[in-house]
Amino acid sequence: RVVDVFIQELSKATTENPVGRGRHPTYYRF
């Protein structure tokens, strides 16, 4: 399912993760 979340920031992409990781994601709504 699709979920909306709030994130504080997105880390830089790496070889292992080409998108980056969201810091402290918090659930908002589905």
PDB file of all heavy atoms in Angstrom:
ATOM      1  N   ARG A   1       0.834  -1.202   0.000  1.00  0.00           N
ATOM      2  CA  ARG A   1       0.000   0.000   0.000  1.00  0.00           C
ATOM      3  C   ARG A   1       0.872   1.257   0.000  1.00  0.00           C
ATOM      4  O   ARG A   1       2.029   1.243   0.432  1.00  0.00           O
ATOM      5  CB  ARG A   1      -0.915   0.031   1.230  1.00  0.00           C
ATOM      6  CG  ARG A   1      -2.073  -0.932   1.155  1.00  0.00           C
ATOM      7  CD  ARG A   1      -2.999  -0.767   2.351  1.00  0.00           C
ATOM      8  NE  ARG A   1      -3.691   0.532   2.365  1.00  0.00           N
ATOM      9  CZ  ARG A   1      -4.562   0.889   3.302  1.00  0.00           C
ATOM     10  NH1 ARG A   1      -4.829   0.050   4.310  1.00  0.00           N
ATOM     11  NH2 ARG A   1      -5.155   2.067   3.257  1.00  0.00           N
ATOM     12  N   VAL A   2       0.285   2.332  -0.461  1.00  0.00           N
ATOM     13  CA  VAL A   2       0.981   3.615  -0.461  1.00  0.00           C
ATOM     14  C   VAL A   2       0.729   4.319   0.871  1.00  0.00           C
ATOM     15  O   VAL A   2      -0.406   4.345   1.367  1.00  0.00           O
ATOM     16  CB  VAL A   2       0.506   4.504  -1.626  1.00  0.00           C
ATOM     17  CG1 VAL A   2       1.155   5.891  -1.551  1.00  0.00           C
ATOM     18  CG2 VAL A   2       0.818   3.839  -2.961  1.00  0.00           C
ATOM     19  N   VAL A   3       1.780   4.855   1.440  1.00  0.00           N
ATOM     20  CA  VAL A   3       1.681   5.551   2.715  1.00  0.00           C
ATOM     21  C   VAL A   3       2.420   6.885   2.632  1.00  0.00           C
ATOM     22  O   VAL A   3       3.501   6.964   2.040  1.00  0.00           O
ATOM     23  CB  VAL A   3       2.245   4.687   3.867  1.00  0.00           C
ATOM     24  CG1 VAL A   3       3.720   4.368   3.631  1.00  0.00           C
ATOM     25  CG2 VAL A   3       2.059   5.362   5.222  1.00  0.00           C
ATOM     26  N   ASP A   4       1.810   7.915   3.173  1.00  0.00           N
ATOM     27  CA  ASP A   4       2.476   9.218   3.271  1.00  0.00           C
ATOM     28  C   ASP A   4       3.207   9.290   4.605  1.00  0.00           C
ATOM     29  O   ASP A   4       2.653   8.923   5.649  1.00  0.00           O
ATOM     30  CB  ASP A   4       1.463  10.360   3.205  1.00  0.00           C
ATOM     31  CG  ASP A   4       1.053  10.698   1.792  1.00  0.00           C
ATOM     32  OD1 ASP A   4       1.588  10.078   0.854  1.00  0.00           O
ATOM     33  OD2 ASP A   4       0.179  11.565   1.612  1.00  0.00           O
ATOM     34  N   VAL A   5       4.444   9.764   4.571  1.00  0.00           N
ATOM     35  CA  VAL A   5       5.234   9.917   5.792  1.00  0.00           C
ATOM     36  C   VAL A   5       5.916  11.284   5.778  1.00  0.00           C
ATOM     37  O   VAL A   5       6.080  11.904   4.722  1.00  0.00           O
ATOM     38  CB  VAL A   5       6.308   8.811   5.935  1.00  0.00           C
ATOM     39  CG1 VAL A   5       5.667   7.436   6.033  1.00  0.00           C
ATOM     40  CG2 VAL A   5       7.307   8.860   4.784  1.00  0.00           C
ATOM     41  N   PHE A   6       6.301  11.743   6.966  1.00  0.00           N
ATOM     42  CA  PHE A   6       7.144  12.930   7.091  1.00  0.00           C
ATOM     43  C   PHE A   6       8.570  12.458   7.336  1.00  0.00           C
ATOM     44  O   PHE A   6       8.794  11.564   8.150  1.00  0.00           O
ATOM     45  CB  PHE A   6       6.706  13.803   8.261  1.00  0.00           C
ATOM     46  CG  PHE A   6       5.346  14.412   8.090  1.00  0.00           C
ATOM     47  CD1 PHE A   6       4.336  14.147   9.000  1.00  0.00           C
ATOM     48  CD2 PHE A   6       5.078  15.270   7.034  1.00  0.00           C
ATOM     49  CE1 PHE A   6       3.081  14.709   8.860  1.00  0.00           C
ATOM     50  CE2 PHE A   6       3.824  15.833   6.876  1.00  0.00           C
ATOM     51  CZ  PHE A   6       2.821  15.549   7.793  1.00  0.00           C
ATOM     52  N   ILE A   7       9.531  13.035   6.643  1.00  0.00           N
ATOM     53  CA  ILE A   7      10.931  12.742   6.909  1.00  0.00           C
ATOM     54  C   ILE A   7      11.660  14.044   7.173  1.00  0.00           C
ATOM     55  O   ILE A   7      11.315  15.090   6.629  1.00  0.00           O
ATOM     56  CB  ILE A   7      11.609  11.975   5.747  1.00  0.00           C
ATOM     57  CG1 ILE A   7      11.597  12.802   4.462  1.00  0.00           C
ATOM     58  CG2 ILE A   7      10.963  10.624   5.528  1.00  0.00           C
ATOM     59  CD1 ILE A   7      12.402  12.169   3.345  1.00  0.00           C
ATOM     60  N   GLN A   8      12.661  13.981   8.048  1.00  0.00           N
ATOM     61  CA  GLN A   8      13.417  15.174   8.400  1.00  0.00           C
ATOM     62  C   GLN A   8      14.405  15.568   7.307  1.00  0.00           C
ATOM     63  O   GLN A   8      14.613  16.732   7.029  1.00  0.00           O
ATOM     64  CB  GLN A   8      14.163  14.935   9.720  1.00  0.00           C
ATOM     65  CG  GLN A   8      13.255  14.615  10.887  1.00  0.00           C
ATOM     66  CD  GLN A   8      12.302  15.756  11.201  1.00  0.00           C
ATOM     67  OE1 GLN A   8      12.731  16.853  11.527  1.00  0.00           O
ATOM     68  NE2 GLN A   8      11.016  15.503  11.112  1.00  0.00           N
ATOM     69  N   GLU A   9      14.999  14.555   6.685  1.00  0.00           N
ATOM     70  CA  GLU A   9      15.938  14.790   5.597  1.00  0.00           C
ATOM     71  C   GLU A   9      16.213  13.467   4.910  1.00  0.00           C
ATOM     72  O   GLU A   9      15.850  12.395   5.419  1.00  0.00           O
ATOM     73  CB  GLU A   9      17.244  15.394   6.125  1.00  0.00           C
ATOM     74  CG  GLU A   9      17.981  14.517   7.114  1.00  0.00           C
ATOM     75  CD  GLU A   9      19.245  15.185   7.647  1.00  0.00           C
ATOM     76  OE1 GLU A   9      19.707  16.157   7.037  1.00  0.00           O
ATOM     77  OE2 GLU A   9      19.760  14.720   8.659  1.00  0.00           O
ATOM     78  N   LEU A  10      16.836  13.515   3.769  1.00  0.00           N
ATOM     79  CA  LEU A  10      17.205  12.313   3.025  1.00  0.00           C
ATOM     80  C   LEU A  10      18.715  12.273   2.908  1.00  0.00           C
ATOM     81  O   LEU A  10      19.347  13.235   2.473  1.00  0.00           O
ATOM     82  CB  LEU A  10      16.567  12.340   1.626  1.00  0.00           C
ATOM     83  CG  LEU A  10      16.661  11.059   0.800  1.00  0.00           C
ATOM     84  CD1 LEU A  10      15.794   9.968   1.415  1.00  0.00           C
ATOM     85  CD2 LEU A  10      16.213  11.325  -0.640  1.00  0.00           C
ATOM     86  N   SER A  11      19.305  11.141   3.330  1.00  0.00           N
ATOM     87  CA  SER A  11      20.758  11.014   3.267  1.00  0.00           C
ATOM     88  C   SER A  11      21.223  10.897   1.815  1.00  0.00           C
ATOM     89  O   SER A  11      20.429  10.647   0.903  1.00  0.00           O
ATOM     90  CB  SER A  11      21.212   9.791   4.060  1.00  0.00           C
ATOM     91  OG  SER A  11      20.778   8.595   3.419  1.00  0.00           O
ATOM     92  N   LYS A  12      22.518  11.065   1.619  1.00  0.00           N
ATOM     93  CA  LYS A  12      23.074  10.955   0.275  1.00  0.00           C
ATOM     94  C   LYS A  12      23.018   9.511  -0.216  1.00  0.00           C
ATOM     95  O   LYS A  12      23.119   8.571   0.564  1.00  0.00           O
ATOM     96  CB  LYS A  12      24.525  11.442   0.268  1.00  0.00           C
ATOM     97  CG  LYS A  12      24.662  12.940   0.510  1.00  0.00           C
ATOM     98  CD  LYS A  12      26.119  13.370   0.420  1.00  0.00           C
ATOM     99  CE  LYS A  12      26.261  14.872   0.631  1.00  0.00           C
ATOM    100  NZ  LYS A  12      27.677  15.317   0.553  1.00  0.00           N
ATOM    101  N   ALA A  13      22.831   9.354  -1.506  1.00  0.00           N
ATOM    102  CA  ALA A  13      22.798   8.027  -2.110  1.00  0.00           C
ATOM    103  C   ALA A  13      24.169   7.363  -2.005  1.00  0.00           C
ATOM    104  O   ALA A  13      25.202   8.038  -1.991  1.00  0.00           O
ATOM    105  CB  ALA A  13      22.376   8.135  -3.565  1.00  0.00           C
ATOM    106  N   THR A  14      24.171   6.043  -1.915  1.00  0.00           N
ATOM    107  CA  THR A  14      25.403   5.268  -1.860  1.00  0.00           C
ATOM    108  C   THR A  14      25.327   4.145  -2.883  1.00  0.00           C
ATOM    109  O   THR A  14      24.290   3.932  -3.525  1.00  0.00           O
ATOM    110  CB  THR A  14      25.607   4.662  -0.459  1.00  0.00           C
ATOM    111  OG1 THR A  14      24.534   3.740  -0.184  1.00  0.00           O
ATOM    112  CG2 THR A  14      25.623   5.749   0.610  1.00  0.00           C
ATOM    113  N   THR A  15      26.403   3.410  -3.008  1.00  0.00           N
ATOM    114  CA  THR A  15      26.395   2.265  -3.916  1.00  0.00           C
ATOM    115  C   THR A  15      25.374   1.238  -3.458  1.00  0.00           C
ATOM    116  O   THR A  15      24.661   0.639  -4.267  1.00  0.00           O
ATOM    117  CB  THR A  15      27.790   1.620  -3.966  1.00  0.00           C
ATOM    118  OG1 THR A  15      28.752   2.609  -4.366  1.00  0.00           O
ATOM    119  CG2 THR A  15      27.814   0.460  -4.953  1.00  0.00           C
ATOM    120  N   GLU A  16      25.307   1.038  -2.122  1.00  0.00           N
ATOM    121  CA  GLU A  16      24.368   0.070  -1.573  1.00  0.00           C
ATOM    122  C   GLU A  16      22.925   0.559  -1.656  1.00  0.00           C
ATOM    123  O   GLU A  16      22.003  -0.223  -1.812  1.00  0.00           O
ATOM    124  CB  GLU A  16      24.708  -0.250  -0.111  1.00  0.00           C
ATOM    125  CG  GLU A  16      26.032  -0.963   0.100  1.00  0.00           C
ATOM    126  CD  GLU A  16      27.225  -0.031  -0.054  1.00  0.00           C
ATOM    127  OE1 GLU A  16      27.034   1.213   0.027  1.00  0.00           O
ATOM    128  OE2 GLU A  16      28.339  -0.533  -0.273  1.00  0.00           O
ATOM    129  N   ASN A  17      22.731   1.873  -1.510  1.00  0.00           N
ATOM    130  CA  ASN A  17      21.393   2.451  -1.581  1.00  0.00           C
ATOM    131  C   ASN A  17      21.414   3.647  -2.530  1.00  0.00           C
ATOM    132  O   ASN A  17      21.815   4.752  -2.152  1.00  0.00           O
ATOM    133  CB  ASN A  17      20.918   2.896  -0.191  1.00  0.00           C
ATOM    134  CG  ASN A  17      19.444   3.276  -0.184  1.00  0.00           C
ATOM    135  OD1 ASN A  17      18.957   3.945  -1.089  1.00  0.00           O
ATOM    136  ND2 ASN A  17      18.730   2.841   0.849  1.00  0.00           N
ATOM    137  N   PRO A  18      21.011   3.449  -3.780  1.00  0.00           N
ATOM    138  CA  PRO A  18      21.098   4.501  -4.796  1.00  0.00           C
ATOM    139  C   PRO A  18      20.102   5.643  -4.613  1.00  0.00           C
ATOM    140  O   PRO A  18      20.150   6.619  -5.363  1.00  0.00           O
ATOM    141  CB  PRO A  18      20.811   3.739  -6.093  1.00  0.00           C
ATOM    142  CG  PRO A  18      19.958   2.591  -5.666  1.00  0.00           C
ATOM    143  CD  PRO A  18      20.466   2.190  -4.316  1.00  0.00           C
ATOM    144  N   VAL A  19      19.209   5.540  -3.623  1.00  0.00           N
ATOM    145  CA  VAL A  19      18.224   6.598  -3.381  1.00  0.00           C
ATOM    146  C   VAL A  19      18.595   7.431  -2.169  1.00  0.00           C
ATOM    147  O   VAL A  19      18.499   8.660  -2.173  1.00  0.00           O
ATOM    148  CB  VAL A  19      16.805   5.994  -3.186  1.00  0.00           C
ATOM    149  CG1 VAL A  19      15.803   7.105  -2.882  1.00  0.00           C
ATOM    150  CG2 VAL A  19      16.374   5.225  -4.428  1.00  0.00           C
ATOM    151  N   GLY A  20      19.062   6.783  -1.110  1.00  0.00           N
ATOM    152  CA  GLY A  20      19.312   7.441   0.164  1.00  0.00           C
ATOM    153  C   GLY A  20      18.298   6.963   1.191  1.00  0.00           C
ATOM    154  O   GLY A  20      17.350   6.253   0.850  1.00  0.00           O
ATOM    155  N   ARG A  21      18.495   7.344   2.444  1.00  0.00           N
ATOM    156  CA  ARG A  21      17.576   6.919   3.489  1.00  0.00           C
ATOM    157  C   ARG A  21      16.982   8.131   4.195  1.00  0.00           C
ATOM    158  O   ARG A  21      17.673   9.118   4.469  1.00  0.00           O
ATOM    159  CB  ARG A  21      18.280   6.021   4.515  1.00  0.00           C
ATOM    160  CG  ARG A  21      18.772   4.707   3.920  1.00  0.00           C
ATOM    161  CD  ARG A  21      19.281   3.770   4.993  1.00  0.00           C
ATOM    162  NE  ARG A  21      18.236   3.288   5.882  1.00  0.00           N
ATOM    163  CZ  ARG A  21      17.414   2.274   5.575  1.00  0.00           C
ATOM    164  NH1 ARG A  21      17.504   1.671   4.402  1.00  0.00           N
ATOM    165  NH2 ARG A  21      16.507   1.892   6.442  1.00  0.00           N
ATOM    166  N   GLY A  22      15.687   8.027   4.489  1.00  0.00           N
ATOM    167  CA  GLY A  22      14.996   9.095   5.194  1.00  0.00           C
ATOM    168  C   GLY A  22      15.289   9.027   6.685  1.00  0.00           C
ATOM    169  O   GLY A  22      15.231   7.948   7.276  1.00  0.00           O
ATOM    170  N   ARG A  23      15.610  10.173   7.301  1.00  0.00           N
ATOM    171  CA  ARG A  23      15.886  10.203   8.739  1.00  0.00           C
ATOM    172  C   ARG A  23      14.597  10.468   9.507  1.00  0.00           C
ATOM    173  O   ARG A  23      13.854  11.380   9.217  1.00  0.00           O
ATOM    174  CB  ARG A  23      16.922  11.276   9.074  1.00  0.00           C
ATOM    175  CG  ARG A  23      18.265  11.023   8.410  1.00  0.00           C
ATOM    176  CD  ARG A  23      19.383  11.820   9.059  1.00  0.00           C
ATOM    177  NE  ARG A  23      19.752  11.283  10.366  1.00  0.00           N
ATOM    178  CZ  ARG A  23      19.621  11.950  11.510  1.00  0.00           C
ATOM    179  NH1 ARG A  23      19.103  13.151  11.521  1.00  0.00           N
ATOM    180  NH2 ARG A  23      20.003  11.400  12.639  1.00  0.00           N
ATOM    181  N   HIS A  24      14.349   9.596  10.484  1.00  0.00           N
ATOM    182  CA  HIS A  24      13.185   9.691  11.362  1.00  0.00           C
ATOM    183  C   HIS A  24      11.867   9.822  10.597  1.00  0.00           C
ATOM    184  O   HIS A  24      11.094  10.766  10.813  1.00  0.00           O
ATOM    185  CB  HIS A  24      13.341  10.868  12.325  1.00  0.00           C
ATOM    186  CG  HIS A  24      14.527  10.751  13.222  1.00  0.00           C
ATOM    187  ND1 HIS A  24      14.621   9.796  14.200  1.00  0.00           N
ATOM    188  CD2 HIS A  24      15.681  11.450  13.257  1.00  0.00           C
ATOM    189  CE1 HIS A  24      15.777   9.921  14.819  1.00  0.00           C
ATOM    190  NE2 HIS A  24      16.447  10.910  14.259  1.00  0.00           N
ATOM    191  N   PRO A  25      11.572   8.868   9.705  1.00  0.00           N
ATOM    192  CA  PRO A  25      10.266   8.908   9.035  1.00  0.00           C
ATOM    193  C   PRO A  25       9.149   8.683  10.060  1.00  0.00           C
ATOM    194  O   PRO A  25       9.275   7.854  10.959  1.00  0.00           O
ATOM    195  CB  PRO A  25      10.336   7.725   8.051  1.00  0.00           C
ATOM    196  CG  PRO A  25      11.781   7.358   7.959  1.00  0.00           C
ATOM    197  CD  PRO A  25      12.373   7.707   9.287  1.00  0.00           C
ATOM    198  N   THR A  26       8.080   9.431   9.949  1.00  0.00           N
ATOM    199  CA  THR A  26       6.930   9.255  10.834  1.00  0.00           C
ATOM    200  C   THR A  26       5.665   9.114   9.989  1.00  0.00           C
ATOM    201  O   THR A  26       5.453   9.862   9.028  1.00  0.00           O
ATOM    202  CB  THR A  26       6.766  10.442  11.796  1.00  0.00           C
ATOM    203  OG1 THR A  26       6.645  11.645  11.053  1.00  0.00           O
ATOM    204  CG2 THR A  26       7.964  10.551  12.718  1.00  0.00           C
ATOM    205  N   TYR A  27       4.850   8.149  10.377  1.00  0.00           N
ATOM    206  CA  TYR A  27       3.612   7.858   9.658  1.00  0.00           C
ATOM    207  C   TYR A  27       2.669   9.054   9.664  1.00  0.00           C
ATOM    208  O   TYR A  27       2.487   9.720  10.683  1.00  0.00           O
ATOM    209  CB  TYR A  27       2.937   6.649  10.312  1.00  0.00           C
ATOM    210  CG  TYR A  27       1.487   6.463   9.936  1.00  0.00           C
ATOM    211  CD1 TYR A  27       1.127   5.888   8.716  1.00  0.00           C
ATOM    212  CD2 TYR A  27       0.468   6.867  10.806  1.00  0.00           C
ATOM    213  CE1 TYR A  27      -0.209   5.725   8.374  1.00  0.00           C
ATOM    214  CE2 TYR A  27      -0.862   6.706  10.477  1.00  0.00           C
ATOM    215  CZ  TYR A  27      -1.199   6.137   9.252  1.00  0.00           C
ATOM    216  OH  TYR A  27      -2.524   5.984   8.922  1.00  0.00           O
ATOM    217  N   TYR A  28       2.061   9.318   8.511  1.00  0.00           N
ATOM    218  CA  TYR A  28       1.064  10.384   8.401  1.00  0.00           C
ATOM    219  C   TYR A  28      -0.307   9.801   8.054  1.00  0.00           C
ATOM    220  O   TYR A  28      -1.264   9.961   8.798  1.00  0.00           O
ATOM    221  CB  TYR A  28       1.516  11.401   7.359  1.00  0.00           C
ATOM    222  CG  TYR A  28       0.536  12.516   7.090  1.00  0.00           C
ATOM    223  CD1 TYR A  28      -0.283  13.025   8.097  1.00  0.00           C
ATOM    224  CD2 TYR A  28       0.437  13.096   5.823  1.00  0.00           C
ATOM    225  CE1 TYR A  28      -1.180  14.048   7.849  1.00  0.00           C
ATOM    226  CE2 TYR A  28      -0.449  14.129   5.572  1.00  0.00           C
ATOM    227  CZ  TYR A  28      -1.258  14.596   6.586  1.00  0.00           C
ATOM    228  OH  TYR A  28      -2.140  15.615   6.337  1.00  0.00           O
ATOM    229  N   ARG A  29      -0.383   9.046   6.926  1.00  0.00           N
ATOM    230  CA  ARG A  29      -1.664   8.475   6.508  1.00  0.00           C
ATOM    231  C   ARG A  29      -1.432   7.484   5.375  1.00  0.00           C
ATOM    232  O   ARG A  29      -0.422   7.557   4.668  1.00  0.00           O
ATOM    233  CB  ARG A  29      -2.597   9.584   6.010  1.00  0.00           C
ATOM    234  CG  ARG A  29      -2.013  10.359   4.830  1.00  0.00           C
ATOM    235  CD  ARG A  29      -2.886  11.526   4.441  1.00  0.00           C
ATOM    236  NE  ARG A  29      -2.235  12.308   3.364  1.00  0.00           N
ATOM    237  CZ  ARG A  29      -2.768  13.389   2.805  1.00  0.00           C
ATOM    238  NH1 ARG A  29      -3.950  13.828   3.210  1.00  0.00           N
ATOM    239  NH2 ARG A  29      -2.112  14.042   1.852  1.00  0.00           N
ATOM    240  N   PHE A  30      -2.356   6.568   5.207  1.00  0.00           N
ATOM    241  CA  PHE A  30      -2.324   5.671   4.064  1.00  0.00           C
ATOM    242  C   PHE A  30      -3.093   6.309   2.918  1.00  0.00           C
ATOM    243  O   PHE A  30      -4.067   7.046   3.125  1.00  0.00           O
ATOM    244  CB  PHE A  30      -2.937   4.314   4.424  1.00  0.00           C
ATOM    245  CG  PHE A  30      -2.048   3.464   5.285  1.00  0.00           C
ATOM    246  CD1 PHE A  30      -2.302   3.324   6.634  1.00  0.00           C
ATOM    247  CD2 PHE A  30      -0.943   2.820   4.746  1.00  0.00           C
ATOM    248  CE1 PHE A  30      -1.469   2.563   7.443  1.00  0.00           C
ATOM    249  CE2 PHE A  30      -0.104   2.052   5.543  1.00  0.00           C
ATOM    250  CZ  PHE A  30      -0.372   1.927   6.892  1.00  0.00           C
TER     251      PHE A  30
END
